[in-house]
Protein backbone atom coordinates (compact mmCIF):
# COMPACT_ATOMS: atom_id res chain seq x y z
CA MET A 1 -104.08 -23.12 5.41
CA LYS A 2 -107.23 -25.01 4.94
CA ILE A 3 -110.40 -23.94 5.04
CA LEU A 4 -112.96 -26.52 5.77
CA LYS A 5 -116.84 -26.13 5.23
CA PRO A 6 -118.27 -29.41 6.81
CA ASN A 7 -122.09 -27.90 6.21
CA ASN A 8 -123.70 -24.79 5.03
CA ILE A 9 -124.34 -23.19 7.99
CA LYS A 10 -124.18 -19.55 7.94
CA ILE A 11 -121.48 -17.75 9.89
CA GLU A 12 -123.30 -15.49 12.72
CA GLN A 13 -122.09 -13.03 15.16
CA LEU A 14 -121.60 -13.07 18.88
CA PRO A 15 -124.07 -10.80 20.92
CA SER A 16 -122.89 -7.00 21.07
CA ASN A 17 -122.96 -7.34 24.80
CA THR A 18 -120.73 -10.07 25.20
CA ASN A 19 -118.06 -9.48 27.57
CA TYR A 20 -114.27 -9.83 27.00
CA VAL A 21 -111.36 -9.51 29.57
CA THR A 22 -107.63 -8.56 29.07
CA PRO A 23 -105.06 -11.41 29.16
CA LYS A 24 -104.10 -10.48 32.30
CA GLU A 25 -107.42 -10.89 33.70
CA ALA A 26 -107.93 -13.95 32.07
CA VAL A 27 -104.81 -15.50 33.65
CA MET A 28 -105.86 -14.25 37.14
CA LYS A 29 -109.37 -15.86 36.70
CA LEU A 30 -107.95 -19.33 35.40
CA VAL A 31 -105.23 -19.65 38.20
CA LYS A 32 -107.10 -17.93 41.02
CA VAL A 33 -104.26 -15.15 42.02
CA SER A 34 -104.72 -11.27 42.39
CA THR A 35 -103.01 -8.86 40.34
CA GLU A 36 -100.43 -7.57 43.07
CA HIS A 37 -98.69 -11.06 42.63
CA VAL A 38 -98.80 -11.13 38.85
CA GLN A 39 -95.43 -10.55 37.53
CA HIS A 40 -95.67 -10.77 33.75
CA VAL A 41 -98.58 -11.80 31.39
CA LYS A 42 -97.72 -12.21 27.69
CA SER A 43 -100.62 -13.04 25.01
CA GLU A 44 -99.77 -14.58 21.85
CA LEU A 45 -102.37 -12.46 20.15
CA ASP A 46 -102.91 -8.53 21.28
CA GLU A 47 -106.67 -8.83 21.66
CA ASN A 48 -109.02 -8.89 24.41
CA LEU A 49 -110.24 -12.72 25.31
CA LEU A 50 -113.63 -14.22 25.87
CA GLU A 51 -113.39 -15.28 29.64
CA SER A 52 -113.00 -18.98 29.85
CA THR A 53 -114.55 -20.66 33.17
CA PHE A 54 -113.27 -24.28 31.60
CA HIS A 55 -110.67 -25.63 28.96
CA PRO A 56 -110.08 -22.52 26.50
CA PHE A 57 -109.80 -25.18 23.46
CA VAL A 58 -113.09 -26.85 24.64
CA HIS A 59 -114.74 -23.31 24.86
CA ALA A 60 -113.65 -22.12 21.40
CA VAL A 61 -115.12 -25.15 20.05
CA HIS A 62 -118.20 -24.66 22.11
CA THR A 63 -118.84 -21.39 21.39
CA ALA A 64 -118.14 -21.69 17.79
CA TYR A 65 -120.52 -24.97 17.61
CA SER A 66 -123.20 -23.11 19.54
CA SER A 67 -123.02 -19.74 18.18
CA HIS A 68 -121.97 -21.00 14.44
CA LEU A 69 -118.93 -18.98 14.14
CA PRO A 70 -115.71 -20.23 12.35
CA LEU A 71 -112.93 -22.16 14.28
CA ILE A 72 -109.16 -21.50 14.08
CA ILE A 73 -106.97 -24.58 14.89
CA THR A 74 -103.09 -24.63 14.61
CA PRO A 75 -100.83 -27.42 14.94
CA ASP A 76 -99.53 -25.49 18.55
CA ILE A 77 -102.80 -26.19 20.01
CA ILE A 78 -103.21 -29.71 19.28
CA TRP A 79 -99.69 -30.06 20.34
CA TYR A 80 -100.08 -28.46 23.74
CA LEU A 81 -103.42 -30.46 24.33
CA ILE A 82 -100.78 -33.77 23.46
CA SER A 83 -97.87 -32.63 25.53
CA SER A 84 -100.07 -31.83 28.21
CA ALA A 85 -101.28 -34.88 28.74
CA VAL A 86 -97.90 -36.31 28.50
CA SER A 87 -96.63 -34.07 31.30
CA VAL A 88 -99.61 -35.26 33.57
CA HIS A 89 -98.74 -38.61 32.75
CA ILE A 90 -95.22 -38.48 33.17
CA ASN A 91 -95.93 -36.57 36.78
CA LYS A 92 -98.19 -39.45 37.71
CA ASN A 93 -95.61 -41.99 36.85
CA SER A 94 -92.16 -40.16 37.68
CA GLU A 95 -90.12 -43.14 39.10
CA LYS A 96 -91.46 -45.86 36.26
CA LEU A 97 -90.30 -43.42 33.56
CA ARG A 98 -87.32 -42.10 35.34
CA SER A 99 -84.57 -43.93 32.93
CA LYS A 100 -86.26 -42.74 29.74
CA PHE A 101 -85.64 -39.30 30.68
CA VAL A 102 -82.75 -39.20 33.23
CA ASP A 103 -79.98 -40.83 34.62
CA HIS A 104 -80.13 -39.36 38.10
CA GLU A 105 -81.93 -40.03 41.05
CA GLY A 106 -83.97 -37.56 43.01
CA LYS A 107 -84.03 -34.33 41.86
CA LYS A 108 -81.04 -32.22 40.27
CA LYS A 109 -81.15 -28.32 40.82
CA ILE A 110 -81.27 -26.22 37.43
CA LYS A 111 -79.85 -22.73 38.70
CA ILE A 112 -80.43 -19.54 36.04
CA ARG A 113 -79.20 -16.21 37.47
CA ARG A 114 -80.21 -13.18 35.66
CA ASP A 115 -79.13 -9.95 37.92
CA ASP A 116 -80.92 -7.35 35.68
CA PHE A 117 -84.30 -8.43 36.75
CA VAL A 118 -86.51 -6.21 39.12
CA LEU A 119 -89.34 -7.57 41.11
CA ASN A 120 -92.65 -6.12 39.43
CA SER A 121 -90.73 -4.46 36.33
CA PRO A 122 -93.12 -4.68 33.29
CA THR A 123 -90.00 -4.98 31.33
CA ASN A 124 -88.02 -8.31 32.58
CA PRO A 125 -87.77 -10.72 29.67
CA TRP A 126 -89.19 -13.73 31.45
CA ASN A 127 -89.14 -15.53 27.92
CA GLU A 128 -85.42 -15.63 27.98
CA VAL A 129 -85.50 -17.55 31.42
CA ILE A 130 -87.63 -19.94 30.61
CA ASP A 131 -85.91 -20.48 27.15
CA ASP A 132 -82.32 -21.08 29.72
CA PHE A 133 -84.16 -23.56 31.59
CA SER A 134 -85.26 -25.44 28.73
CA THR A 135 -81.97 -25.48 27.21
CA LYS A 136 -80.37 -26.74 30.53
CA ILE A 137 -83.30 -29.55 30.78
CA GLY A 138 -82.42 -30.59 27.12
CA GLU A 139 -78.79 -30.66 28.35
CA LEU A 140 -79.32 -32.95 31.19
CA THR A 141 -82.20 -35.45 29.62
CA LYS A 142 -81.89 -38.46 27.51
CA ASN A 143 -84.13 -39.26 24.21
CA ASP A 144 -84.39 -35.90 22.94
CA VAL A 145 -87.33 -34.97 25.23
CA ALA A 146 -86.74 -31.25 25.08
CA ASP A 147 -86.63 -31.07 21.51
CA THR A 148 -89.68 -33.23 20.86
CA LEU A 149 -91.96 -31.28 23.45
CA VAL A 150 -91.00 -27.94 22.35
CA ALA A 151 -93.31 -26.61 19.75
CA SER A 152 -91.43 -26.43 16.37
CA PHE A 153 -94.24 -25.80 13.53
CA THR A 154 -94.66 -23.15 11.30
CA THR A 155 -97.24 -21.84 13.33
CA THR A 156 -95.13 -21.34 16.35
CA THR A 157 -95.07 -18.13 17.74
CA LYS A 158 -92.29 -16.82 20.41
CA CYS A 159 -95.48 -16.93 23.01
CA SER A 160 -96.66 -20.42 21.88
CA ARG A 161 -92.80 -21.90 22.07
CA VAL A 162 -92.44 -20.62 25.40
CA VAL A 163 -95.55 -21.97 26.67
CA SER A 164 -94.51 -25.58 25.33
CA GLN A 165 -91.31 -24.96 27.19
CA ILE A 166 -93.30 -24.29 30.47
CA VAL A 167 -94.89 -27.71 29.46
CA LEU A 168 -91.84 -29.34 29.07
CA MET A 169 -90.36 -27.99 32.51
CA ASP A 170 -93.79 -29.34 33.84
CA ALA A 171 -93.55 -32.94 32.44
CA MET A 172 -89.69 -32.67 33.88
CA GLN A 173 -90.68 -31.33 37.37
CA LYS A 174 -90.18 -34.58 39.08
CA TYR A 175 -86.98 -34.94 38.15
CA PHE A 176 -85.36 -31.26 38.24
CA GLU A 177 -85.86 -28.16 40.80
CA TYR A 178 -85.71 -24.90 39.47
CA GLN A 179 -84.13 -21.94 40.78
CA PHE A 180 -84.15 -18.60 39.73
CA LEU A 181 -81.57 -16.35 40.95
CA THR A 182 -81.27 -12.32 40.89
CA MET A 183 -78.43 -11.03 42.85
CA CYS A 184 -76.92 -7.65 43.32
CA GLY A 185 -74.13 -7.30 40.69
CA ILE A 186 -72.16 -4.79 38.08
CA PRO A 187 -73.71 -5.11 34.66
CA GLU A 188 -70.52 -3.40 33.11
CA ILE A 189 -67.23 -2.72 34.02
CA ARG A 190 -65.53 0.13 31.52
CA ILE A 191 -61.77 -0.02 31.85
CA GLN A 192 -60.13 3.12 30.27
CA GLY A 193 -56.79 3.48 29.28
CA ASP A 194 -54.68 0.96 26.84
CA LYS A 195 -52.47 -2.30 27.86
CA ASN A 196 -49.37 -0.09 28.15
CA ASP A 197 -51.04 2.04 30.84
CA TRP A 198 -52.04 -0.88 32.71
CA GLU A 199 -48.60 -2.24 32.56
CA ASN A 200 -46.82 0.65 33.47
CA LEU A 201 -48.99 0.70 36.67
CA ARG A 202 -47.62 -2.86 37.56
CA ALA A 203 -44.08 -1.52 36.75
CA LYS A 204 -44.57 1.36 38.77
CA THR A 205 -45.87 -0.78 41.80
CA LEU A 206 -42.93 -3.60 41.01
CA LYS A 207 -40.51 -0.46 41.97
CA ILE A 208 -42.27 0.80 44.79
CA ILE A 209 -41.63 -2.62 46.48
CA ASP A 210 -37.97 -2.73 45.34
CA LEU A 211 -38.07 -0.27 47.77
CA ILE A 212 -40.39 -1.18 50.50
CA PRO A 213 -39.56 -5.18 50.88
CA GLU A 214 -42.79 -5.13 53.47
CA PHE A 215 -45.04 -4.75 50.59
CA LYS A 216 -44.13 -7.73 49.10
CA GLN A 217 -46.51 -9.72 50.91
CA TRP A 218 -49.58 -7.34 50.00
CA TYR A 219 -48.38 -7.89 46.24
CA ASN A 220 -48.56 -11.43 46.61
CA ASN A 221 -51.79 -12.15 48.40
CA GLY A 222 -53.70 -10.28 45.83
CA LEU A 223 -52.48 -7.21 44.15
CA GLU A 224 -50.58 -9.21 41.67
CA LEU A 225 -53.65 -11.13 40.50
CA ILE A 226 -55.33 -7.82 40.32
CA LEU A 227 -53.11 -5.85 38.00
CA SER A 228 -52.84 -9.28 35.91
CA ASN A 229 -56.65 -9.39 35.24
CA PHE A 230 -56.50 -5.65 34.24
CA ILE A 231 -53.59 -6.56 31.70
CA SER A 232 -55.04 -9.48 30.34
CA ILE A 233 -58.62 -7.85 29.26
CA PHE A 234 -56.40 -6.07 26.31
CA SER A 235 -55.47 -9.19 25.21
CA ASN A 236 -58.99 -10.56 25.06
CA LYS A 237 -58.51 -12.85 28.16
CA VAL A 238 -61.19 -11.93 30.36
CA ASP A 239 -61.97 -14.01 33.65
CA ASN A 240 -65.71 -13.22 34.58
CA ASP A 241 -65.55 -15.11 37.59
CA PHE A 242 -62.67 -12.45 38.96
CA TRP A 243 -64.89 -9.48 37.61
CA ASN A 244 -67.91 -10.92 39.40
CA HIS A 245 -66.04 -10.75 42.76
CA ILE A 246 -64.90 -7.30 42.73
CA TYR A 247 -67.26 -6.51 45.70
CA LYS A 248 -68.65 -9.94 46.92
CA ILE A 249 -66.65 -13.19 46.92
CA SER A 250 -69.83 -15.33 46.73
CA GLY A 251 -71.67 -12.87 44.30
CA GLY A 252 -74.50 -12.88 46.97
CA SER A 253 -76.97 -10.03 47.40
CA GLY A 254 -77.35 -8.02 50.53
CA GLY A 255 -75.68 -8.02 53.73
CA PRO A 256 -73.09 -5.43 54.99
CA PHE A 257 -69.87 -7.58 54.12
CA ILE A 258 -67.42 -6.77 51.68
CA THR A 259 -65.72 -9.83 50.64
CA GLY A 260 -64.23 -9.32 47.16
CA TRP A 261 -60.99 -8.45 45.84
CA ILE A 262 -61.91 -4.70 46.46
CA ASN A 263 -60.20 -5.61 49.84
CA ALA A 264 -57.05 -5.99 48.42
CA LEU A 265 -56.67 -2.87 47.18
CA PHE A 266 -56.40 -1.34 50.86
CA PRO A 267 -53.46 -2.84 52.86
CA TYR A 268 -54.59 -0.06 55.80
CA LEU A 269 -57.97 0.60 57.24
CA ASN A 270 -59.23 2.97 59.77
CA ASN A 271 -56.82 4.55 61.95
CA GLU A 272 -53.86 2.82 59.91
CA ASN A 273 -55.13 -0.84 61.27
CA PRO A 274 -53.75 -3.48 58.96
CA ASN A 275 -56.20 -4.82 56.91
CA PRO A 276 -56.17 -8.80 57.64
CA TYR A 277 -57.34 -9.51 54.12
CA VAL A 278 -53.70 -8.42 52.97
CA TRP A 279 -51.45 -9.03 55.37
CA ASN A 280 -52.98 -12.11 57.70
CA LYS A 281 -54.69 -13.81 54.87
CA SER A 282 -55.90 -13.39 51.11
CA TRP A 283 -58.89 -11.93 50.13
CA LYS A 284 -59.86 -15.40 48.45
CA ASP A 285 -60.28 -16.66 52.21
CA ASP A 286 -63.97 -16.80 52.51
CA ASP A 287 -64.94 -16.73 56.31
CA GLY A 288 -68.34 -17.52 55.68
CA CYS A 289 -71.47 -15.30 54.70
CA PHE A 290 -71.71 -13.39 58.10
CA SER A 291 -67.98 -12.24 57.65
CA GLY A 292 -65.73 -9.66 55.99
CA LEU A 293 -65.10 -5.93 56.24
CA THR A 294 -68.14 -3.19 55.99
CA THR A 295 -68.23 0.27 54.51
CA SER A 296 -67.72 1.62 58.04
CA SER A 297 -64.19 -0.47 57.70
CA PHE A 298 -63.35 2.21 54.79
CA GLU A 299 -63.36 5.68 56.52
CA TYR A 300 -61.53 8.25 54.26
CA HIS A 301 -59.23 11.08 54.94
CA MET A 302 -58.27 12.78 51.64
CA ASN A 303 -54.28 13.22 51.57
CA GLN A 304 -53.17 16.14 53.15
CA VAL A 305 -49.67 18.49 52.50
CA PRO A 306 -49.03 20.94 55.07
CA PHE A 307 -46.88 23.78 53.90
CA VAL A 308 -46.17 27.51 54.96
CA TRP A 309 -47.22 30.17 52.86
CA ASN A 310 -44.62 33.46 53.25
CA TYR A 311 -47.35 35.97 52.28
CA LEU A 312 -46.01 39.57 52.72
CA ASN A 313 -43.87 38.78 55.51
CA SER A 314 -46.49 36.71 57.13
CA GLU A 315 -46.45 33.07 57.52
CA ILE A 316 -49.88 31.30 56.96
CA GLU A 317 -49.90 27.66 57.54
CA MET A 318 -51.75 25.90 54.62
CA LEU A 319 -52.41 22.63 53.20
CA PHE A 320 -52.58 21.19 50.01
CA ILE A 321 -55.66 18.57 49.98
CA GLY A 322 -56.19 15.97 47.01
CA GLY A 323 -57.81 12.66 46.59
CA LEU A 324 -61.06 11.42 45.13
CA ILE A 325 -63.89 13.67 46.37
CA GLY A 326 -67.24 11.68 45.32
CA VAL A 327 -68.73 9.65 42.88
CA VAL A 328 -69.82 11.15 39.22
CA HIS A 329 -73.24 9.84 37.76
CA HIS A 330 -72.76 10.01 34.19
CA LYS A 331 -76.04 10.57 31.71
CA ASP A 332 -75.60 7.02 30.85
CA GLN A 333 -75.85 5.82 34.31
CA ALA A 334 -72.35 4.69 34.76
CA LEU A 335 -70.50 5.58 37.82
CA GLN A 336 -66.95 6.80 38.08
CA ALA A 337 -64.96 7.88 41.39
CA SER A 338 -63.84 11.29 40.96
CA PHE A 339 -60.63 13.08 41.82
CA GLY A 340 -60.22 16.80 43.01
CA TYR A 341 -57.88 18.89 45.05
CA ALA A 342 -57.83 22.11 47.13
CA VAL A 343 -55.82 24.54 48.70
CA THR A 344 -56.88 25.50 52.25
CA GLU A 345 -55.26 27.23 55.37
CA ASP A 346 -54.86 24.65 57.97
CA LYS A 347 -57.58 24.84 60.25
CA ILE A 348 -58.73 21.31 60.05
CA LYS A 349 -59.49 20.18 63.43
CA ALA A 350 -60.08 16.75 62.72
CA GLY A 351 -59.55 14.25 59.96
CA LYS A 352 -56.05 14.47 58.79
CA GLN A 353 -54.46 11.54 56.45
CA PHE A 354 -52.84 8.72 58.58
CA GLY A 355 -49.87 9.53 60.43
CA HIS A 356 -50.25 13.23 60.63
């Protein structure tokens, strides 16, 4: 750091009644947006600010000059002024300059997806999203424009770097359309057991298919792919596209339709109806965003086995009942369908297993 003293003026102080604002208040006033619409504010310095009604750098120089206060200037500040001017000029002359920066015509869409973001959450890492957009711009532009515009000085902070990446996005916005997606999804799938377990499961399945040839179609239309993916992960061969499609083939949010490969695990649905996504087609056959099974297609009855208990010369009609009985919510937030069984008198009036 160099300290310059261009004159002999004594350092003064701002009046004690000077008004300050928080970083969030400063942003709201500068861009004229109300607080309920502000998703995230990050300030380089964790301090309150003088309220700026005009450009903050001019404000800093003006106040330092008129109030006899020291002024701090960083390379990042001056580079921001230069790069912002460049951004304005590119946007005003985008077609004239197009060949300098990109090879495509029109706007190319850049999509960034983060399913861990929650609307209005203060912990959303927006800096990572901006960094991802900046990286993609770097891959799709020429003449090192991304590396040139993004700040890279010894004084560059995480915050000033993100700001420079926003300037880059601003400068390139006539050439790109930016889209950020947050969809429903499963952040982590934990596969228990070992490779031998899953190979044993596939062997058992194939043995059953040898006894019931009709199930060969079920196996070929989806079950083979599912079991193969369970096995391959133990050889560190993970098909993320497959695992992202467990529930929805398109990975989209909302809507009642279940279109993922979970469908292929249910050859029969309510009332013994054949599942069309097993017998008539593959689960991969996407019939559009308004088609597919819904949760009501998966009405559930536990497996029930009637038996007679000869108890002290009396016959009591009984049931062994078993199956998945609910979903455990573990302390680390993981969910797991859980087994259970029961022995009851055969007094059930409805809901017996298919075919009983």
